[in-house]
């Protein structure tokens, strides 16, 4: 948990719910998980669950908010260079694969994936403009979204269809594809 409540009882309760829900997400999608199932596994009463969350989707959003807070801290230490950033983002996805898979399956308002792309754009668009002075501002924006969406697509493909690949193999594929789309200097 990246956002830890100050009260130790709340921290314990939320951590139990997060852990229980994560275990359930490993086996099935959010829509098939019940509040009773989460509570039984966590050893938490339904009344306590409803004190914090309205349903399992609200719990997923809270977990995505928590993950996004961790992501923001993680990205702050990364360089603006996409070739250096890609391995770190793939490693982050690997560390949080269960929750990120759930985020891909539940693309609604406040979704983690959409927030990540927006955050990266806000954090790095100025660097991308400086690195591509010959390009119009709008073209740099399109380039950024093309690369970021491609990286998100690679992570999604890996998590859902190619989970046996190692982080290093995914990074190698991402770098290979980025090099294919990077213009060579004249």
N, C-alpha and C. Protein backbone atom coordinates (compact mmCIF):
# COMPACT_ATOMS: atom_id res chain seq x y z
N UNK A 1 0.85 -1.17 0.00
CA UNK A 1 0.00 0.00 0.00
C UNK A 1 0.90 1.23 0.00
N UNK A 2 0.62 2.16 -0.94
CA UNK A 2 1.41 3.38 -1.04
C UNK A 2 0.82 4.53 -0.23
N UNK A 3 -0.51 4.57 -0.15
CA UNK A 3 -1.19 5.59 0.65
C UNK A 3 -1.63 4.91 1.93
N UNK A 4 -0.89 5.12 2.98
CA UNK A 4 -1.19 4.44 4.23
C UNK A 4 -1.96 5.35 5.17
N UNK A 5 -3.14 4.90 5.61
CA UNK A 5 -3.88 5.68 6.60
C UNK A 5 -3.05 5.85 7.87
N UNK A 6 -3.22 6.97 8.54
CA UNK A 6 -2.46 7.23 9.77
C UNK A 6 -2.89 6.28 10.90
N UNK A 7 -4.17 5.98 10.94
CA UNK A 7 -4.70 5.10 11.98
C UNK A 7 -4.30 3.65 11.68
N UNK A 8 -3.67 2.99 12.64
CA UNK A 8 -3.16 1.63 12.42
C UNK A 8 -4.29 0.62 12.16
N UNK A 9 -5.45 0.83 12.77
CA UNK A 9 -6.57 -0.09 12.51
C UNK A 9 -7.08 0.03 11.09
N UNK A 10 -7.18 1.27 10.60
CA UNK A 10 -7.59 1.48 9.21
C UNK A 10 -6.55 0.90 8.26
N UNK A 11 -5.30 1.12 8.56
CA UNK A 11 -4.22 0.60 7.73
C UNK A 11 -4.29 -0.92 7.64
N UNK A 12 -4.48 -1.56 8.80
CA UNK A 12 -4.58 -3.02 8.84
C UNK A 12 -5.80 -3.51 8.04
N UNK A 13 -6.95 -2.88 8.28
CA UNK A 13 -8.18 -3.29 7.60
C UNK A 13 -8.05 -3.14 6.09
N UNK A 14 -7.57 -1.99 5.66
CA UNK A 14 -7.44 -1.76 4.21
C UNK A 14 -6.41 -2.70 3.60
N UNK A 15 -5.32 -2.96 4.30
CA UNK A 15 -4.32 -3.87 3.77
C UNK A 15 -4.90 -5.28 3.64
N UNK A 16 -5.68 -5.70 4.62
CA UNK A 16 -6.33 -7.03 4.55
C UNK A 16 -7.28 -7.09 3.35
N UNK A 17 -8.06 -6.03 3.15
CA UNK A 17 -8.99 -6.01 2.02
C UNK A 17 -8.24 -5.98 0.69
N UNK A 18 -7.18 -5.17 0.61
CA UNK A 18 -6.37 -5.10 -0.62
C UNK A 18 -5.78 -6.48 -0.93
N UNK A 19 -5.22 -7.12 0.08
CA UNK A 19 -4.59 -8.43 -0.12
C UNK A 19 -5.62 -9.47 -0.55
N UNK A 20 -6.76 -9.48 0.12
CA UNK A 20 -7.81 -10.44 -0.20
C UNK A 20 -8.31 -10.23 -1.63
N UNK A 21 -8.56 -9.00 -1.96
CA UNK A 21 -9.06 -8.68 -3.31
C UNK A 21 -8.02 -9.03 -4.37
N UNK A 22 -6.76 -8.77 -4.09
CA UNK A 22 -5.69 -9.12 -5.03
C UNK A 22 -5.66 -10.63 -5.27
N UNK A 23 -5.81 -11.40 -4.21
CA UNK A 23 -5.84 -12.87 -4.37
C UNK A 23 -7.01 -13.29 -5.25
N UNK A 24 -8.16 -12.68 -5.04
CA UNK A 24 -9.34 -13.02 -5.84
C UNK A 24 -9.13 -12.62 -7.30
N UNK A 25 -8.49 -11.46 -7.52
CA UNK A 25 -8.25 -10.98 -8.89
C UNK A 25 -7.30 -11.88 -9.67
N UNK A 26 -6.49 -12.64 -8.95
CA UNK A 26 -5.59 -13.57 -9.64
C UNK A 26 -6.37 -14.68 -10.33
N UNK A 27 -7.57 -14.97 -9.84
CA UNK A 27 -8.36 -16.10 -10.35
C UNK A 27 -9.52 -15.71 -11.25
N UNK A 28 -10.05 -14.50 -11.05
CA UNK A 28 -11.24 -14.13 -11.83
C UNK A 28 -11.39 -12.61 -11.94
N UNK A 29 -12.21 -12.17 -12.89
CA UNK A 29 -12.41 -10.73 -13.07
C UNK A 29 -13.23 -10.12 -11.94
N UNK A 30 -13.12 -8.82 -11.80
CA UNK A 30 -13.82 -8.07 -10.75
C UNK A 30 -15.31 -8.37 -10.74
N UNK A 31 -15.92 -8.44 -11.90
CA UNK A 31 -17.37 -8.63 -11.98
C UNK A 31 -17.83 -9.97 -11.39
N UNK A 32 -16.91 -10.91 -11.23
CA UNK A 32 -17.27 -12.22 -10.68
C UNK A 32 -16.88 -12.37 -9.20
N UNK A 33 -16.33 -11.32 -8.62
CA UNK A 33 -15.90 -11.36 -7.23
C UNK A 33 -16.98 -10.69 -6.38
N UNK A 34 -17.35 -11.32 -5.27
CA UNK A 34 -18.37 -10.75 -4.40
C UNK A 34 -17.73 -10.10 -3.18
N UNK A 35 -18.46 -9.18 -2.59
CA UNK A 35 -18.01 -8.53 -1.36
C UNK A 35 -17.87 -9.59 -0.26
N UNK A 36 -18.80 -10.52 -0.20
CA UNK A 36 -18.73 -11.59 0.82
C UNK A 36 -17.44 -12.39 0.68
N UNK A 37 -17.09 -12.71 -0.54
CA UNK A 37 -15.87 -13.47 -0.80
C UNK A 37 -14.63 -12.70 -0.31
N UNK A 38 -14.59 -11.41 -0.61
CA UNK A 38 -13.47 -10.57 -0.18
C UNK A 38 -13.40 -10.54 1.34
N UNK A 39 -14.55 -10.30 1.97
CA UNK A 39 -14.60 -10.18 3.44
C UNK A 39 -14.24 -11.49 4.13
N UNK A 40 -14.78 -12.59 3.61
CA UNK A 40 -14.48 -13.90 4.22
C UNK A 40 -12.98 -14.18 4.18
N UNK A 41 -12.36 -13.93 3.04
CA UNK A 41 -10.93 -14.19 2.90
C UNK A 41 -10.11 -13.24 3.78
N UNK A 42 -10.55 -12.00 3.89
CA UNK A 42 -9.81 -10.99 4.66
C UNK A 42 -10.05 -11.11 6.16
N UNK A 43 -11.11 -11.80 6.54
CA UNK A 43 -11.45 -11.87 7.96
C UNK A 43 -12.03 -10.56 8.46
N UNK A 44 -12.72 -9.88 7.57
CA UNK A 44 -13.31 -8.56 7.86
C UNK A 44 -14.82 -8.67 7.66
N UNK A 45 -15.59 -8.03 8.52
CA UNK A 45 -17.06 -8.09 8.37
C UNK A 45 -17.50 -7.25 7.16
N UNK A 46 -18.67 -7.61 6.64
CA UNK A 46 -19.24 -6.84 5.52
C UNK A 46 -19.51 -5.40 5.97
N UNK A 47 -19.96 -5.24 7.21
CA UNK A 47 -20.23 -3.90 7.74
C UNK A 47 -18.97 -3.04 7.68
N UNK A 48 -17.84 -3.63 8.06
CA UNK A 48 -16.57 -2.90 8.00
C UNK A 48 -16.20 -2.59 6.56
N UNK A 49 -16.40 -3.55 5.65
CA UNK A 49 -16.12 -3.31 4.23
C UNK A 49 -16.90 -2.09 3.76
N UNK A 50 -18.21 -2.08 4.04
CA UNK A 50 -19.07 -1.01 3.55
C UNK A 50 -18.78 0.33 4.24
N UNK A 51 -18.07 0.31 5.32
CA UNK A 51 -17.63 1.56 5.95
C UNK A 51 -16.64 2.29 5.03
N UNK A 52 -15.90 1.52 4.23
CA UNK A 52 -14.86 2.09 3.36
C UNK A 52 -15.23 2.11 1.88
N UNK A 53 -15.95 1.10 1.42
CA UNK A 53 -16.21 0.95 -0.02
C UNK A 53 -17.66 0.55 -0.27
N UNK A 54 -18.23 1.01 -1.37
CA UNK A 54 -19.62 0.69 -1.69
C UNK A 54 -19.75 -0.69 -2.34
N UNK A 55 -18.72 -1.14 -3.03
CA UNK A 55 -18.74 -2.45 -3.68
C UNK A 55 -17.33 -2.80 -4.13
N UNK A 56 -17.18 -3.93 -4.81
CA UNK A 56 -15.86 -4.37 -5.24
C UNK A 56 -15.25 -3.44 -6.29
N UNK A 57 -16.08 -2.75 -7.06
CA UNK A 57 -15.56 -1.82 -8.05
C UNK A 57 -14.98 -0.57 -7.37
N UNK A 58 -15.60 -0.14 -6.29
CA UNK A 58 -15.07 0.98 -5.52
C UNK A 58 -13.74 0.59 -4.88
N UNK A 59 -13.64 -0.64 -4.42
CA UNK A 59 -12.37 -1.13 -3.87
C UNK A 59 -11.31 -1.15 -4.96
N UNK A 60 -11.66 -1.60 -6.16
CA UNK A 60 -10.71 -1.59 -7.27
C UNK A 60 -10.23 -0.17 -7.56
N UNK A 61 -11.14 0.78 -7.58
CA UNK A 61 -10.74 2.18 -7.83
C UNK A 61 -9.83 2.69 -6.72
N UNK A 62 -10.12 2.34 -5.48
CA UNK A 62 -9.25 2.76 -4.37
C UNK A 62 -7.86 2.14 -4.52
N UNK A 63 -7.82 0.88 -4.94
CA UNK A 63 -6.52 0.24 -5.14
C UNK A 63 -5.78 0.87 -6.32
N UNK A 64 -6.52 1.26 -7.35
CA UNK A 64 -5.88 1.95 -8.48
C UNK A 64 -5.36 3.32 -8.05
N UNK A 65 -6.12 4.03 -7.21
CA UNK A 65 -5.66 5.32 -6.70
C UNK A 65 -4.36 5.14 -5.91
N UNK A 66 -4.33 4.11 -5.09
CA UNK A 66 -3.14 3.81 -4.30
C UNK A 66 -1.96 3.47 -5.22
N UNK A 67 -2.21 2.63 -6.21
CA UNK A 67 -1.17 2.26 -7.15
C UNK A 67 -0.68 3.47 -7.94
N UNK A 68 -1.59 4.35 -8.31
CA UNK A 68 -1.20 5.55 -9.05
C UNK A 68 -0.30 6.45 -8.20
N UNK A 69 -0.58 6.54 -6.90
CA UNK A 69 0.28 7.33 -6.01
C UNK A 69 1.70 6.74 -6.00
N UNK A 70 1.79 5.42 -5.96
CA UNK A 70 3.10 4.78 -6.03
C UNK A 70 3.76 4.99 -7.37
N UNK A 71 2.97 4.94 -8.43
CA UNK A 71 3.48 5.16 -9.78
C UNK A 71 4.07 6.56 -9.92
N UNK A 72 3.36 7.57 -9.40
CA UNK A 72 3.86 8.94 -9.46
C UNK A 72 5.22 9.07 -8.79
N UNK A 73 5.36 8.48 -7.62
CA UNK A 73 6.66 8.51 -6.92
C UNK A 73 7.73 7.79 -7.71
N UNK A 74 7.36 6.69 -8.31
CA UNK A 74 8.29 5.87 -9.09
C UNK A 74 8.80 6.63 -10.32
N UNK A 75 7.88 7.28 -11.02
CA UNK A 75 8.21 7.98 -12.27
C UNK A 75 9.08 9.21 -12.02
N UNK A 76 8.91 9.84 -10.87
CA UNK A 76 9.69 11.05 -10.57
C UNK A 76 11.18 10.81 -10.67
N UNK A 77 11.63 9.60 -10.46
CA UNK A 77 13.05 9.30 -10.50
C UNK A 77 13.52 8.78 -11.86
N UNK A 78 12.61 8.70 -12.83
CA UNK A 78 12.98 8.17 -14.15
C UNK A 78 13.41 9.28 -15.10
N UNK A 79 14.32 8.96 -16.02
CA UNK A 79 14.71 9.94 -17.04
C UNK A 79 13.61 10.10 -18.08
N UNK A 80 13.62 11.20 -18.81
CA UNK A 80 12.60 11.46 -19.83
C UNK A 80 12.79 10.61 -21.07
N UNK A 81 13.93 9.98 -21.22
CA UNK A 81 14.22 9.18 -22.40
C UNK A 81 13.39 7.89 -22.38
N UNK A 82 12.60 7.68 -23.42
CA UNK A 82 11.71 6.53 -23.47
C UNK A 82 12.47 5.21 -23.45
N UNK A 83 13.67 5.18 -24.01
CA UNK A 83 14.45 3.94 -24.01
C UNK A 83 14.92 3.58 -22.59
N UNK A 84 15.15 4.59 -21.77
CA UNK A 84 15.53 4.35 -20.38
C UNK A 84 14.30 4.13 -19.51
N UNK A 85 13.20 4.76 -19.87
CA UNK A 85 11.97 4.70 -19.08
C UNK A 85 11.24 3.37 -19.29
N UNK A 86 11.24 2.84 -20.48
CA UNK A 86 10.47 1.64 -20.80
C UNK A 86 10.78 0.46 -19.87
N UNK A 87 12.06 0.13 -19.63
CA UNK A 87 12.32 -1.01 -18.73
C UNK A 87 11.76 -0.78 -17.32
N UNK A 88 11.83 0.44 -16.84
CA UNK A 88 11.32 0.74 -15.50
C UNK A 88 9.80 0.60 -15.45
N UNK A 89 9.11 1.05 -16.50
CA UNK A 89 7.65 0.94 -16.53
C UNK A 89 7.22 -0.52 -16.66
N UNK A 90 7.96 -1.29 -17.43
CA UNK A 90 7.65 -2.71 -17.57
C UNK A 90 7.88 -3.43 -16.23
N UNK A 91 8.95 -3.06 -15.53
CA UNK A 91 9.21 -3.65 -14.21
C UNK A 91 8.11 -3.29 -13.22
N UNK A 92 7.65 -2.04 -13.26
CA UNK A 92 6.55 -1.61 -12.38
C UNK A 92 5.30 -2.44 -12.69
N UNK A 93 5.00 -2.63 -13.96
CA UNK A 93 3.85 -3.43 -14.35
C UNK A 93 4.00 -4.86 -13.85
N UNK A 94 5.19 -5.39 -13.93
CA UNK A 94 5.43 -6.75 -13.45
C UNK A 94 5.21 -6.85 -11.94
N UNK A 95 5.69 -5.86 -11.21
CA UNK A 95 5.52 -5.87 -9.75
C UNK A 95 4.06 -5.79 -9.32
N UNK A 96 3.23 -5.21 -10.19
CA UNK A 96 1.81 -4.99 -9.85
C UNK A 96 0.90 -5.62 -10.89
N UNK A 97 1.33 -6.73 -11.44
CA UNK A 97 0.63 -7.32 -12.60
C UNK A 97 -0.83 -7.66 -12.34
N UNK A 98 -1.19 -8.13 -11.17
CA UNK A 98 -2.58 -8.52 -10.91
C UNK A 98 -3.49 -7.31 -10.97
N UNK A 99 -3.10 -6.24 -10.31
CA UNK A 99 -3.93 -5.04 -10.30
C UNK A 99 -3.95 -4.36 -11.66
N UNK A 100 -2.85 -4.37 -12.36
CA UNK A 100 -2.81 -3.73 -13.68
C UNK A 100 -3.65 -4.54 -14.68
N UNK A 101 -3.61 -5.85 -14.57
CA UNK A 101 -4.50 -6.67 -15.42
C UNK A 101 -5.96 -6.29 -15.15
N UNK A 102 -6.32 -6.13 -13.88
CA UNK A 102 -7.70 -5.75 -13.54
C UNK A 102 -8.03 -4.37 -14.10
N UNK A 103 -7.05 -3.46 -14.09
CA UNK A 103 -7.27 -2.12 -14.65
C UNK A 103 -7.54 -2.21 -16.16
N UNK A 104 -6.82 -3.06 -16.85
CA UNK A 104 -7.06 -3.25 -18.28
C UNK A 104 -8.46 -3.81 -18.53
N UNK A 105 -8.92 -4.69 -17.66
CA UNK A 105 -10.22 -5.32 -17.84
C UNK A 105 -11.38 -4.39 -17.48
N UNK A 106 -11.13 -3.37 -16.71
CA UNK A 106 -12.19 -2.47 -16.22
C UNK A 106 -11.87 -1.03 -16.56
N UNK A 107 -11.92 -0.70 -17.83
CA UNK A 107 -11.59 0.64 -18.29
C UNK A 107 -12.78 1.57 -18.08
N UNK A 108 -12.86 2.16 -16.91
CA UNK A 108 -13.93 3.09 -16.61
C UNK A 108 -13.33 4.42 -16.17
N UNK A 109 -14.17 5.29 -15.67
CA UNK A 109 -13.72 6.60 -15.21
C UNK A 109 -12.70 6.44 -14.09
N UNK A 110 -11.62 7.20 -14.17
CA UNK A 110 -10.58 7.14 -13.15
C UNK A 110 -9.65 5.95 -13.32
N UNK A 111 -9.68 5.32 -14.49
CA UNK A 111 -8.89 4.13 -14.72
C UNK A 111 -7.40 4.40 -14.64
N UNK A 112 -6.69 3.49 -14.04
CA UNK A 112 -5.25 3.60 -13.83
C UNK A 112 -4.49 3.80 -15.15
N UNK A 113 -4.80 3.03 -16.16
CA UNK A 113 -4.07 3.07 -17.43
C UNK A 113 -4.20 4.45 -18.07
N UNK A 114 -5.41 4.97 -18.14
CA UNK A 114 -5.62 6.30 -18.73
C UNK A 114 -4.92 7.38 -17.91
N UNK A 115 -4.94 7.23 -16.60
CA UNK A 115 -4.26 8.21 -15.73
C UNK A 115 -2.75 8.17 -15.94
N UNK A 116 -2.20 6.98 -16.15
CA UNK A 116 -0.76 6.84 -16.38
C UNK A 116 -0.36 7.59 -17.65
N UNK A 117 -1.09 7.39 -18.73
CA UNK A 117 -0.74 8.06 -19.99
C UNK A 117 -0.84 9.57 -19.83
N UNK A 118 -1.89 10.05 -19.19
CA UNK A 118 -2.04 11.50 -18.97
C UNK A 118 -0.92 12.05 -18.10
N UNK A 119 -0.60 11.31 -17.04
CA UNK A 119 0.47 11.76 -16.15
C UNK A 119 1.80 11.82 -16.88
N UNK A 120 2.12 10.78 -17.64
CA UNK A 120 3.39 10.77 -18.38
C UNK A 120 3.44 11.93 -19.38
N UNK A 121 2.32 12.20 -20.02
CA UNK A 121 2.29 13.31 -20.98
C UNK A 121 2.58 14.64 -20.26
N UNK A 122 1.89 14.87 -19.16
CA UNK A 122 2.11 16.11 -18.42
C UNK A 122 3.55 16.21 -17.90
N UNK A 123 4.08 15.10 -17.46
CA UNK A 123 5.43 15.10 -16.88
C UNK A 123 6.52 15.27 -17.93
N UNK A 124 6.29 14.77 -19.14
CA UNK A 124 7.39 14.69 -20.10
C UNK A 124 7.19 15.41 -21.43
N UNK A 125 6.01 16.00 -21.67
CA UNK A 125 5.82 16.58 -23.01
C UNK A 125 6.82 17.69 -23.30
N UNK A 126 7.21 18.48 -22.32
CA UNK A 126 8.19 19.54 -22.55
C UNK A 126 9.54 18.95 -22.96
N UNK A 127 9.94 17.84 -22.31
CA UNK A 127 11.19 17.17 -22.68
C UNK A 127 11.12 16.63 -24.10
N UNK A 128 9.98 16.10 -24.47
CA UNK A 128 9.83 15.56 -25.83
C UNK A 128 9.88 16.69 -26.86
N UNK A 129 9.31 17.84 -26.53
CA UNK A 129 9.37 18.98 -27.45
C UNK A 129 10.81 19.45 -27.61
N UNK A 130 11.57 19.51 -26.52
CA UNK A 130 12.98 19.90 -26.61
C UNK A 130 13.80 18.89 -27.41
N UNK A 131 13.47 17.62 -27.25
CA UNK A 131 14.21 16.57 -27.95
C UNK A 131 13.86 16.49 -29.43
N UNK A 132 12.76 17.11 -29.82
CA UNK A 132 12.31 17.09 -31.22
C UNK A 132 12.01 18.50 -31.70
N UNK A 133 13.02 19.38 -31.71
CA UNK A 133 12.77 20.78 -32.03
C UNK A 133 12.29 21.01 -33.47
N UNK A 134 12.56 20.06 -34.34
CA UNK A 134 12.15 20.18 -35.74
C UNK A 134 10.67 19.84 -35.96
N UNK A 135 10.01 19.32 -34.93
CA UNK A 135 8.62 18.90 -35.06
C UNK A 135 7.67 19.95 -34.50
N UNK A 136 6.50 20.04 -35.11
CA UNK A 136 5.45 20.92 -34.60
C UNK A 136 4.97 20.38 -33.25
N UNK A 137 4.48 21.27 -32.39
CA UNK A 137 4.02 20.87 -31.06
C UNK A 137 2.95 19.77 -31.14
N UNK A 138 2.03 19.91 -32.07
CA UNK A 138 0.98 18.91 -32.23
C UNK A 138 1.57 17.56 -32.65
N UNK A 139 2.58 17.59 -33.52
CA UNK A 139 3.22 16.34 -33.95
C UNK A 139 3.94 15.66 -32.79
N UNK A 140 4.56 16.44 -31.91
CA UNK A 140 5.21 15.87 -30.74
C UNK A 140 4.17 15.21 -29.84
N UNK A 141 3.02 15.85 -29.69
CA UNK A 141 1.95 15.27 -28.89
C UNK A 141 1.49 13.94 -29.49
N UNK A 142 1.32 13.90 -30.80
CA UNK A 142 0.93 12.65 -31.46
C UNK A 142 2.01 11.59 -31.29
N UNK A 143 3.27 11.98 -31.44
CA UNK A 143 4.38 11.05 -31.27
C UNK A 143 4.38 10.47 -29.86
N UNK A 144 4.23 11.33 -28.88
CA UNK A 144 4.22 10.87 -27.49
C UNK A 144 3.11 9.83 -27.28
N UNK A 145 1.90 10.15 -27.71
CA UNK A 145 0.78 9.23 -27.50
C UNK A 145 0.95 7.94 -28.30
N UNK A 146 1.55 8.04 -29.45
CA UNK A 146 1.85 6.85 -30.25
C UNK A 146 2.79 5.92 -29.50
N UNK A 147 3.87 6.48 -28.96
CA UNK A 147 4.86 5.68 -28.24
C UNK A 147 4.27 5.17 -26.92
N UNK A 148 3.62 6.05 -26.15
CA UNK A 148 3.07 5.64 -24.85
C UNK A 148 1.99 4.58 -25.01
N UNK A 149 1.11 4.76 -25.97
CA UNK A 149 0.06 3.76 -26.20
C UNK A 149 0.64 2.44 -26.68
N UNK A 150 1.69 2.53 -27.48
CA UNK A 150 2.37 1.31 -27.92
C UNK A 150 2.99 0.56 -26.75
N UNK A 151 3.61 1.29 -25.84
CA UNK A 151 4.21 0.66 -24.65
C UNK A 151 3.12 0.04 -23.77
N UNK A 152 2.01 0.75 -23.60
CA UNK A 152 0.90 0.20 -22.83
C UNK A 152 0.37 -1.06 -23.52
N UNK A 153 0.29 -1.03 -24.85
CA UNK A 153 -0.17 -2.20 -25.59
C UNK A 153 0.76 -3.39 -25.42
N UNK A 154 2.06 -3.14 -25.40
CA UNK A 154 3.03 -4.21 -25.19
C UNK A 154 2.85 -4.82 -23.80
N UNK A 155 2.67 -3.96 -22.79
CA UNK A 155 2.47 -4.46 -21.42
C UNK A 155 1.19 -5.27 -21.33
N UNK A 156 0.13 -4.80 -21.98
CA UNK A 156 -1.15 -5.52 -21.96
C UNK A 156 -0.99 -6.89 -22.63
N UNK A 157 -0.38 -6.92 -23.80
CA UNK A 157 -0.16 -8.18 -24.51
C UNK A 157 0.64 -9.15 -23.64
N UNK A 158 1.67 -8.65 -23.01
CA UNK A 158 2.51 -9.47 -22.15
C UNK A 158 1.71 -10.06 -20.97
N UNK A 159 0.98 -9.19 -20.26
CA UNK A 159 0.26 -9.64 -19.07
C UNK A 159 -0.86 -10.63 -19.39
N UNK A 160 -1.52 -10.45 -20.54
CA UNK A 160 -2.66 -11.31 -20.86
C UNK A 160 -2.30 -12.51 -21.74
N UNK A 161 -1.43 -12.30 -22.71
CA UNK A 161 -1.21 -13.34 -23.71
C UNK A 161 0.17 -14.00 -23.67
N UNK A 162 1.14 -13.33 -23.10
CA UNK A 162 2.51 -13.85 -23.09
C UNK A 162 3.14 -13.77 -21.71
N UNK A 163 2.43 -14.19 -20.65
CA UNK A 163 2.95 -14.01 -19.29
C UNK A 163 4.22 -14.80 -19.00
N UNK A 164 4.53 -15.77 -19.84
CA UNK A 164 5.73 -16.57 -19.61
C UNK A 164 7.01 -15.82 -19.99
N UNK A 165 6.87 -14.72 -20.73
CA UNK A 165 8.05 -13.92 -21.09
C UNK A 165 8.61 -13.24 -19.84
N UNK A 166 9.92 -13.16 -19.76
CA UNK A 166 10.56 -12.46 -18.64
C UNK A 166 10.50 -10.96 -18.88
N UNK A 167 10.75 -10.20 -17.84
CA UNK A 167 10.81 -8.74 -17.96
C UNK A 167 11.86 -8.37 -19.01
N UNK A 168 13.03 -9.00 -18.96
CA UNK A 168 14.09 -8.69 -19.92
C UNK A 168 13.66 -8.94 -21.36
N UNK A 169 12.92 -10.00 -21.59
CA UNK A 169 12.44 -10.28 -22.95
C UNK A 169 11.44 -9.23 -23.42
N UNK A 170 10.58 -8.79 -22.53
CA UNK A 170 9.61 -7.76 -22.89
C UNK A 170 10.32 -6.43 -23.16
N UNK A 171 11.28 -6.09 -22.32
CA UNK A 171 12.06 -4.86 -22.53
C UNK A 171 12.78 -4.93 -23.87
N UNK A 172 13.37 -6.06 -24.18
CA UNK A 172 14.08 -6.22 -25.45
C UNK A 172 13.13 -6.01 -26.63
N UNK A 173 11.94 -6.58 -26.56
CA UNK A 173 10.96 -6.40 -27.63
C UNK A 173 10.52 -4.94 -27.73
N UNK A 174 10.30 -4.30 -26.60
CA UNK A 174 9.89 -2.89 -26.61
C UNK A 174 10.99 -2.03 -27.24
N UNK A 175 12.23 -2.25 -26.85
CA UNK A 175 13.34 -1.47 -27.42
C UNK A 175 13.47 -1.72 -28.91
N UNK A 176 13.33 -2.95 -29.33
CA UNK A 176 13.43 -3.27 -30.75
C UNK A 176 12.35 -2.51 -31.54
N UNK A 177 11.12 -2.54 -31.05
CA UNK A 177 10.03 -1.86 -31.75
C UNK A 177 10.20 -0.34 -31.73
N UNK A 178 10.70 0.20 -30.62
CA UNK A 178 10.92 1.65 -30.55
C UNK A 178 12.02 2.07 -31.52
N UNK A 179 13.06 1.24 -31.63
CA UNK A 179 14.13 1.56 -32.58
C UNK A 179 13.61 1.55 -34.02
N UNK A 180 12.67 0.65 -34.31
CA UNK A 180 12.09 0.59 -35.66
C UNK A 180 11.36 1.88 -36.02
N UNK A 181 10.74 2.50 -35.02
CA UNK A 181 9.94 3.70 -35.28
C UNK A 181 10.70 5.00 -35.01
N UNK A 182 11.96 4.91 -34.62
CA UNK A 182 12.74 6.12 -34.35
C UNK A 182 13.51 6.49 -35.62
N UNK A 183 13.28 7.71 -36.14
CA UNK A 183 13.98 8.11 -37.37
C UNK A 183 15.49 8.18 -37.13
N UNK A 184 16.21 7.77 -38.13
CA UNK A 184 17.67 7.82 -38.04
C UNK A 184 18.13 9.23 -38.45
N UNK A 185 19.19 9.69 -37.79
CA UNK A 185 19.74 11.02 -38.11
C UNK A 185 20.34 10.97 -39.52
N UNK A 186 20.18 12.06 -40.24
CA UNK A 186 20.69 12.13 -41.61
C UNK A 186 22.17 12.39 -41.63
